[in-house]
Amino acid sequence: MPLTLHPLLREILNPRRLCEGAAISIAIVMLAFMFDQLAKAHGLLMASGQPMFGDYIAFWSAGHLALEGKAALVHDRHALTAVQQGLIVGMHVMAPWNSPPTFLLICTVLALLPYGVSAMTFFVISAALFFTAAYKILPDKRALLFAVTLPAFLYHPGTVQVGVFIAGVSGLAIYWLDKRPRLAGSLVALLAIKPHMALLWPLLLLISRRWTAFTAAAIATTAFVLLGALVFGVESYPRFFENLRASADLVTHRQVAAQTFASLYGDLIGLHVSIRTAAIAQAVSAVSAILMACWIFWRGDRVTQGIALCAATLLISPYLFFYDFTLLAVSAALLSPPRNRLEFMAIIAAWLSALSVAAGFYMTLPYCAAAAWLMMIVALRRVGSAASVPALAPQL
């Protein structure tokens, strides 16, 4: 005799209900921890000796130097330390500036505001972009609950980084790619604030023959880069490239906490694998992801192309941290609703990816890279199935 459940119990045990309950529970725990840390803060100084709003102090202090006419010193750690210590006395860390002049343009404007107001302004703008993208992409608006409770998003008030901004811009660009190609291309230009998160966009636009979006992206990006050179001097770009070695050392020589690493290279370094072996593994993974993404760009539709774009982007650079994996949530949104158990698992893995920073206190594993690869495999399967209709979508 088949086992029958009471309707109420059956509703409670519904997989979606269970996922929603788990998401809300995780969000409550994260928010409770955040408020506990804020309660222990002394002004803008956290009990740990870290600044309130975390990494954002690097953005604000670089913008502050630029406002004082000292843009040439934004990569100078002594100059940054002086600004940061002057703002928050007793800080135990120094947050370096590792970004290009394009982002410095934005940070200079944000530095016109007091530090706390500036951080919240950037976070609110980023969140607005992210939730607008989620609202437009998700076919079921009830699934917005998973965007609101996304661990990668909830981490951002504590460390106001660019992950939410990058995810929002990328999601909107993918959504408008065929509907409003000029706007989509212009949005792609904003990714020049973090160039390694935009490496695959030219390949997508070229391989899928989206000429209008490609032209718009090329013109807008060129204008953005030239504006940075005009405001801060042409030499600001060589200084940025010279500083890349110092940026790489943050991961290679573990100058930041290993649990924050999110690339395969960073996780292997955290596992004390040799630098050579970690670099080879990262290179093999990156090249494989690029080749697979290019094939999906050629054969897939906008949805599978977008899934592959976001996932493969997170498999290329060795310089990635947990907050960057907000971008994988865009892949999860594009994948919704899942068609099978593998896709369901990929969505859950993407949603959980940023929790690797918490798990990393106990055990280092290449979880983020595995989640991105699972998403790539799902995109590949969709392209290879009869349900995925090829769409090159050339623009007239």
Protein backbone atom coordinates (compact mmCIF):
# COMPACT_ATOMS: atom_id res chain seq x y z
CA MET A 1 0.00 0.00 0.00
CA PRO A 2 1.58 3.32 -1.07
CA LEU A 3 2.53 5.73 1.69
CA THR A 4 0.43 8.91 1.66
CA LEU A 5 1.37 12.10 3.47
CA HIS A 6 -0.93 14.63 5.04
CA PRO A 7 -1.33 17.60 2.62
CA LEU A 8 0.23 20.00 5.13
CA LEU A 9 3.23 17.71 5.68
CA ARG A 10 3.57 17.19 1.94
CA GLU A 11 3.64 20.96 1.46
CA ILE A 12 6.27 21.39 4.19
CA LEU A 13 8.46 18.68 2.64
CA ASN A 14 8.16 20.20 -0.83
CA PRO A 15 11.74 20.67 -2.15
CA ARG A 16 11.11 24.31 -2.94
CA ARG A 17 9.71 24.97 0.53
CA LEU A 18 12.74 23.27 2.06
CA CYS A 19 15.11 25.38 -0.04
CA GLU A 20 13.26 28.57 0.87
CA GLY A 21 13.36 27.68 4.56
CA ALA A 22 17.07 26.87 4.38
CA ALA A 23 17.81 30.13 2.54
CA ILE A 24 15.95 32.19 5.13
CA SER A 25 17.65 30.34 7.99
CA ILE A 26 21.14 30.89 6.56
CA ALA A 27 20.34 34.57 5.96
CA ILE A 28 19.13 35.01 9.56
CA VAL A 29 22.33 33.45 10.92
CA MET A 30 24.50 35.66 8.70
CA LEU A 31 22.60 38.82 9.61
CA ALA A 32 22.72 37.95 13.33
CA PHE A 33 26.49 37.54 13.12
CA MET A 34 26.80 40.83 11.24
CA PHE A 35 24.75 42.76 13.80
CA ASP A 36 26.75 41.17 16.61
CA GLN A 37 29.97 42.41 15.01
CA LEU A 38 28.51 45.89 14.55
CA ALA A 39 27.48 46.01 18.21
CA LYS A 40 31.10 45.42 19.21
CA ALA A 41 32.48 48.12 16.90
CA HIS A 42 34.01 51.36 18.19
CA GLY A 43 33.00 54.01 15.70
CA LEU A 44 34.35 52.86 12.32
CA LEU A 45 36.72 50.36 13.90
CA MET A 46 35.56 46.75 14.26
CA ALA A 47 36.58 44.72 17.31
CA SER A 48 38.88 42.68 15.04
CA GLY A 49 40.87 45.78 14.12
CA GLN A 50 39.34 45.78 10.63
CA PRO A 51 37.64 48.90 9.26
CA MET A 52 33.88 49.01 9.04
CA PHE A 53 32.77 48.25 5.44
CA GLY A 54 35.98 46.29 4.95
CA ASP A 55 37.65 46.60 1.57
CA TYR A 56 35.75 49.76 0.71
CA ILE A 57 38.30 51.78 2.65
CA ALA A 58 40.75 51.09 -0.21
CA PHE A 59 38.29 52.56 -2.71
CA TRP A 60 37.55 55.63 -0.61
CA SER A 61 41.19 56.32 0.31
CA ALA A 62 42.32 56.04 -3.34
CA GLY A 63 39.54 58.43 -4.35
CA HIS A 64 40.55 60.75 -1.51
CA LEU A 65 44.16 60.85 -2.76
CA ALA A 66 42.93 61.58 -6.28
CA LEU A 67 40.81 64.46 -5.00
CA GLU A 68 43.93 65.91 -3.36
CA GLY A 69 45.75 65.77 -6.70
CA LYS A 70 47.81 62.74 -5.62
CA ALA A 71 46.47 60.15 -8.07
CA ALA A 72 50.06 59.07 -8.76
CA LEU A 73 50.23 57.75 -5.18
CA VAL A 74 47.14 55.51 -5.19
CA HIS A 75 49.30 52.37 -5.44
CA ASP A 76 51.74 53.62 -2.80
CA ARG A 77 51.04 51.68 0.37
CA HIS A 78 52.57 54.30 2.65
CA ALA A 79 50.30 57.00 1.20
CA LEU A 80 47.25 54.76 1.53
CA THR A 81 48.17 53.81 5.08
CA ALA A 82 48.40 57.46 6.05
CA VAL A 83 44.90 58.17 4.69
CA GLN A 84 43.38 55.05 6.25
CA GLN A 85 45.01 55.50 9.64
CA GLY A 86 43.97 59.14 9.61
CA LEU A 87 40.38 58.10 9.00
CA ILE A 88 40.22 55.14 11.41
CA VAL A 89 42.78 55.25 14.20
CA GLY A 90 43.84 51.82 15.44
CA MET A 91 43.32 49.86 12.23
CA HIS A 92 45.40 46.66 12.22
CA VAL A 93 45.45 46.31 8.44
CA MET A 94 46.18 48.30 5.29
CA ALA A 95 43.83 47.86 2.32
CA PRO A 96 45.76 48.22 -0.98
CA TRP A 97 44.42 49.76 -4.19
CA ASN A 98 44.65 47.23 -7.03
CA SER A 99 42.22 48.67 -9.57
CA PRO A 100 42.65 50.56 -12.88
CA PRO A 101 42.09 54.29 -13.51
CA THR A 102 38.59 53.52 -14.82
CA PHE A 103 37.47 52.51 -11.34
CA LEU A 104 39.41 55.39 -9.81
CA LEU A 105 37.11 57.73 -11.76
CA ILE A 106 34.12 56.32 -9.90
CA CYS A 107 35.88 56.22 -6.54
CA THR A 108 36.96 59.84 -6.86
CA VAL A 109 33.32 60.87 -7.14
CA LEU A 110 32.36 58.61 -4.23
CA ALA A 111 35.16 60.09 -2.09
CA LEU A 112 33.34 63.43 -2.19
CA LEU A 113 31.07 61.87 0.45
CA PRO A 114 32.02 60.99 4.04
CA TYR A 115 33.39 57.44 4.29
CA GLY A 116 30.32 55.74 5.80
CA VAL A 117 27.85 57.56 3.54
CA SER A 118 30.02 56.82 0.54
CA ALA A 119 30.19 53.08 1.32
CA MET A 120 26.43 52.79 1.74
CA THR A 121 25.81 54.82 -1.43
CA PHE A 122 27.96 52.45 -3.48
CA PHE A 123 26.32 49.41 -1.87
CA VAL A 124 22.79 50.69 -2.53
CA ILE A 125 23.59 51.47 -6.18
CA SER A 126 25.16 48.03 -6.60
CA ALA A 127 22.20 46.31 -4.91
CA ALA A 128 19.74 48.21 -7.12
CA LEU A 129 21.53 46.99 -10.25
CA PHE A 130 21.70 43.43 -8.91
CA PHE A 131 18.04 43.18 -7.94
CA THR A 132 16.91 44.83 -11.17
CA ALA A 133 18.85 42.20 -13.10
CA ALA A 134 17.43 39.40 -10.92
CA TYR A 135 13.87 40.73 -11.34
CA LYS A 136 14.18 40.83 -15.12
CA ILE A 137 15.96 37.49 -15.55
CA LEU A 138 14.01 35.29 -13.11
CA PRO A 139 10.83 33.92 -14.71
CA ASP A 140 9.30 33.27 -11.28
CA LYS A 141 9.41 36.41 -9.14
CA ARG A 142 8.98 34.32 -6.01
CA ALA A 143 12.56 33.19 -6.65
CA LEU A 144 13.71 36.73 -5.78
CA LEU A 145 13.81 35.38 -2.23
CA PHE A 146 17.00 33.55 -3.22
CA ALA A 147 18.54 36.79 -4.52
CA VAL A 148 17.72 38.61 -1.28
CA THR A 149 19.16 35.80 0.87
CA LEU A 150 22.15 35.05 -1.39
CA PRO A 151 25.18 34.64 0.92
CA ALA A 152 27.46 36.42 -1.56
CA PHE A 153 25.10 39.41 -1.43
CA LEU A 154 24.73 39.37 2.36
CA TYR A 155 28.51 39.47 2.79
CA HIS A 156 28.73 42.77 0.92
CA PRO A 157 27.51 45.19 3.61
CA GLY A 158 30.43 43.97 5.73
CA THR A 159 33.00 44.22 2.95
CA VAL A 160 31.65 46.66 0.38
CA GLN A 161 33.28 45.21 -2.69
CA VAL A 162 32.39 45.28 -6.40
CA GLY A 163 30.95 41.75 -6.66
CA VAL A 164 27.30 42.85 -6.50
CA PHE A 165 27.97 45.71 -8.93
CA ILE A 166 29.69 43.40 -11.46
CA ALA A 167 26.89 40.83 -11.18
CA GLY A 168 24.19 43.46 -11.65
CA VAL A 169 25.83 45.04 -14.67
CA SER A 170 26.59 41.64 -16.24
CA GLY A 171 23.06 40.37 -15.66
CA LEU A 172 21.45 43.44 -17.21
CA ALA A 173 23.83 43.34 -20.18
CA ILE A 174 22.92 39.68 -20.82
CA TYR A 175 19.19 40.42 -20.44
CA TRP A 176 19.27 43.34 -22.89
CA LEU A 177 21.75 41.72 -25.28
CA ASP A 178 19.20 41.11 -28.04
CA LYS A 179 16.46 43.51 -26.94
CA ARG A 180 18.59 46.65 -26.51
CA PRO A 181 22.05 45.81 -27.89
CA ARG A 182 23.44 49.35 -27.71
CA LEU A 183 22.52 49.64 -24.04
CA ALA A 184 23.92 46.16 -23.36
CA GLY A 185 27.20 47.07 -25.03
CA SER A 186 27.43 50.29 -23.06
CA LEU A 187 26.90 48.38 -19.82
CA VAL A 188 29.73 46.01 -20.75
CA ALA A 189 32.04 49.04 -20.77
CA LEU A 190 31.42 49.50 -17.03
CA LEU A 191 33.16 46.17 -16.44
CA ALA A 192 36.41 47.95 -17.30
CA ILE A 193 36.58 48.80 -13.59
CA LYS A 194 37.62 45.17 -13.11
CA PRO A 195 39.01 44.05 -16.48
CA HIS A 196 39.56 40.37 -15.65
CA MET A 197 35.80 40.05 -15.12
CA ALA A 198 35.15 41.20 -18.70
CA LEU A 199 37.61 39.06 -20.67
CA LEU A 200 35.00 36.85 -22.34
CA TRP A 201 32.59 39.56 -23.45
CA PRO A 202 34.45 40.40 -26.70
CA LEU A 203 34.53 36.68 -27.60
CA LEU A 204 30.81 36.31 -26.91
CA LEU A 205 29.87 39.32 -29.02
CA LEU A 206 32.18 38.36 -31.89
CA ILE A 207 31.42 34.64 -32.01
CA SER A 208 27.65 35.20 -31.76
CA ARG A 209 27.89 37.99 -34.38
CA ARG A 210 26.19 40.63 -32.26
CA TRP A 211 27.80 43.48 -34.15
CA THR A 212 25.66 46.29 -32.73
CA ALA A 213 26.41 45.33 -29.13
CA PHE A 214 30.09 44.76 -29.99
CA THR A 215 30.42 48.22 -31.57
CA ALA A 216 28.66 49.89 -28.64
CA ALA A 217 30.89 48.06 -26.15
CA ALA A 218 34.06 48.94 -28.07
CA ILE A 219 33.18 52.65 -28.34
CA ALA A 220 32.00 52.98 -24.72
CA THR A 221 34.99 51.08 -23.31
CA THR A 222 37.44 53.13 -25.34
CA ALA A 223 35.80 56.34 -24.15
CA PHE A 224 35.88 55.12 -20.52
CA VAL A 225 39.57 54.20 -20.72
CA LEU A 226 40.51 57.45 -22.44
CA LEU A 227 38.60 59.45 -19.82
CA GLY A 228 40.72 57.77 -17.13
CA ALA A 229 43.89 58.74 -19.02
CA LEU A 230 42.64 62.30 -19.50
CA VAL A 231 41.81 62.81 -15.82
CA PHE A 232 44.72 60.96 -14.20
CA GLY A 233 47.34 61.01 -16.95
CA VAL A 234 48.40 58.39 -19.48
CA GLU A 235 51.05 57.16 -17.03
CA SER A 236 48.28 55.99 -14.67
CA TYR A 237 47.86 52.86 -16.79
CA PRO A 238 51.52 51.76 -16.68
CA ARG A 239 51.38 52.27 -12.90
CA PHE A 240 48.33 50.00 -12.73
CA PHE A 241 50.06 47.26 -14.75
CA GLU A 242 53.23 47.55 -12.67
CA ASN A 243 51.13 47.03 -9.55
CA LEU A 244 49.66 43.75 -10.84
CA ARG A 245 52.59 41.79 -9.40
CA ALA A 246 51.77 43.14 -5.95
CA SER A 247 48.13 42.19 -6.54
CA ALA A 248 49.13 38.64 -7.50
CA ASP A 249 51.28 38.37 -4.37
CA LEU A 250 48.15 38.77 -2.25
CA VAL A 251 47.18 35.26 -3.33
CA THR A 252 50.52 33.63 -4.18
CA HIS A 253 52.14 34.58 -0.88
CA ARG A 254 48.92 34.41 1.15
CA GLN A 255 49.00 38.05 2.21
CA VAL A 256 45.26 37.83 2.86
CA ALA A 257 43.29 35.12 4.65
CA ALA A 258 43.29 31.89 2.64
CA GLN A 259 39.58 31.28 3.32
CA THR A 260 38.74 34.30 1.15
CA PHE A 261 40.34 32.73 -1.95
CA ALA A 262 37.89 31.56 -4.63
CA SER A 263 39.96 30.65 -7.69
CA LEU A 264 41.31 27.15 -8.21
CA TYR A 265 44.82 28.62 -7.97
CA GLY A 266 44.08 30.38 -4.70
CA ASP A 267 42.48 27.33 -3.14
CA LEU A 268 45.40 25.10 -4.13
CA ILE A 269 47.79 27.66 -2.63
CA GLY A 270 45.65 27.53 0.50
CA LEU A 271 46.11 23.76 0.50
CA HIS A 272 49.91 24.33 0.42
CA VAL A 273 50.25 22.97 -3.13
CA SER A 274 53.38 24.29 -4.87
CA ILE A 275 52.99 27.52 -6.82
CA ARG A 276 54.05 25.77 -10.05
CA THR A 277 51.47 22.98 -9.68
CA ALA A 278 48.72 25.43 -8.73
CA ALA A 279 49.55 27.62 -11.73
CA ILE A 280 49.47 24.65 -14.12
CA ALA A 281 46.14 23.46 -12.75
CA GLN A 282 44.71 26.99 -13.03
CA ALA A 283 45.96 27.32 -16.62
CA VAL A 284 44.47 23.98 -17.69
CA SER A 285 41.15 24.84 -16.06
CA ALA A 286 41.09 28.34 -17.56
CA VAL A 287 41.93 27.25 -21.12
CA SER A 288 39.37 24.43 -20.96
CA ALA A 289 36.70 26.85 -19.73
CA ILE A 290 37.49 29.36 -22.47
CA LEU A 291 37.30 26.71 -25.21
CA MET A 292 34.05 25.30 -23.84
CA ALA A 293 32.58 28.80 -23.49
CA CYS A 294 33.49 29.66 -27.09
CA TRP A 295 31.71 26.54 -28.32
CA ILE A 296 28.61 27.49 -26.31
CA PHE A 297 28.80 31.05 -27.64
CA TRP A 298 28.73 29.59 -31.17
CA ARG A 299 26.02 26.96 -30.69
CA GLY A 300 23.91 28.18 -27.79
CA ASP A 301 21.12 30.69 -27.29
CA ARG A 302 21.29 33.84 -25.19
CA VAL A 303 20.48 31.98 -21.99
CA THR A 304 23.12 29.27 -22.31
CA GLN A 305 25.62 31.83 -23.59
CA GLY A 306 24.99 33.95 -20.51
CA ILE A 307 25.33 30.96 -18.17
CA ALA A 308 28.66 30.01 -19.78
CA LEU A 309 29.90 33.61 -19.83
CA CYS A 310 29.44 34.09 -16.08
CA ALA A 311 30.70 30.65 -15.07
CA ALA A 312 33.76 30.64 -17.37
CA THR A 313 34.70 34.17 -16.29
CA LEU A 314 35.06 32.80 -12.75
CA LEU A 315 37.37 30.04 -13.97
CA ILE A 316 39.91 32.21 -15.82
CA SER A 317 41.57 34.56 -13.37
CA PRO A 318 43.67 33.29 -10.44
CA TYR A 319 42.88 36.57 -8.67
CA LEU A 320 39.36 35.94 -7.36
CA PHE A 321 37.75 36.12 -3.94
CA PHE A 322 34.48 34.88 -2.47
CA TYR A 323 32.59 38.11 -3.21
CA ASP A 324 33.34 37.75 -6.94
CA PHE A 325 31.10 34.68 -7.00
CA THR A 326 28.02 36.88 -6.80
CA LEU A 327 28.37 36.62 -10.59
CA LEU A 328 27.62 32.89 -10.47
CA ALA A 329 24.17 33.79 -9.12
CA VAL A 330 23.45 35.33 -12.53
CA SER A 331 24.14 31.93 -14.10
CA ALA A 332 21.76 30.36 -11.56
CA ALA A 333 19.05 32.91 -12.38
CA LEU A 334 19.42 32.24 -16.12
CA LEU A 335 19.20 28.50 -15.43
CA SER A 336 15.87 28.87 -13.62
CA PRO A 337 13.67 26.94 -13.59
CA PRO A 338 15.89 23.84 -13.49
CA ARG A 339 14.95 21.04 -15.88
CA ASN A 340 16.55 18.13 -14.04
CA ARG A 341 18.37 17.20 -10.85
CA LEU A 342 21.78 18.18 -12.19
CA GLU A 343 20.56 21.70 -12.95
CA PHE A 344 18.92 21.86 -9.52
CA MET A 345 22.25 20.88 -7.94
CA ALA A 346 24.08 23.50 -10.03
CA ILE A 347 21.74 26.25 -8.82
CA ILE A 348 22.19 25.21 -5.19
CA ALA A 349 25.98 25.02 -5.60
CA ALA A 350 26.05 28.50 -7.16
CA TRP A 351 23.88 29.92 -4.38
CA LEU A 352 26.10 28.41 -1.68
CA SER A 353 29.45 29.26 -3.31
CA ALA A 354 30.30 32.32 -1.20
CA LEU A 355 29.84 30.31 2.00
CA SER A 356 33.24 28.86 1.17
CA VAL A 357 34.68 31.78 3.16
CA ALA A 358 33.01 30.39 6.31
CA ALA A 359 33.90 26.78 5.55
CA GLY A 360 37.47 27.89 4.81
CA PHE A 361 38.11 28.50 8.52
CA TYR A 362 37.92 24.73 8.98
CA MET A 363 38.88 23.21 5.62
CA THR A 364 40.13 24.60 2.31
CA LEU A 365 38.56 23.06 -0.78
CA PRO A 366 38.23 24.32 -4.38
CA TYR A 367 34.47 24.58 -3.89
CA CYS A 368 33.92 27.79 -5.87
CA ALA A 369 35.75 26.47 -8.93
CA ALA A 370 33.78 23.21 -8.69
CA ALA A 371 30.50 25.16 -8.58
CA ALA A 372 31.50 27.16 -11.66
CA TRP A 373 32.49 23.99 -13.52
CA LEU A 374 29.19 22.35 -12.64
CA MET A 375 27.42 25.35 -14.17
CA MET A 376 29.58 25.03 -17.32
CA ILE A 377 28.65 21.36 -17.66
CA VAL A 378 24.96 22.20 -17.31
CA ALA A 379 25.23 24.87 -20.02
CA LEU A 380 27.02 22.41 -22.29
CA ARG A 381 24.31 19.78 -21.73
CA ARG A 382 21.59 22.28 -22.55
CA VAL A 383 23.29 23.25 -25.80
CA GLY A 384 23.66 19.59 -26.72
CA SER A 385 20.02 18.79 -25.98
CA ALA A 386 17.08 19.20 -28.30
CA ALA A 387 15.60 21.73 -25.87
CA SER A 388 18.36 24.25 -26.63
CA VAL A 389 17.77 26.10 -29.88
CA PRO A 390 20.88 27.66 -31.50
CA ALA A 391 20.57 31.42 -31.80
CA LEU A 392 23.39 33.50 -33.21
CA ALA A 393 21.16 36.59 -33.23
CA PRO A 394 23.04 38.84 -35.67
CA GLN A 395 22.17 42.53 -35.28
CA LEU A 396 20.96 44.54 -38.24
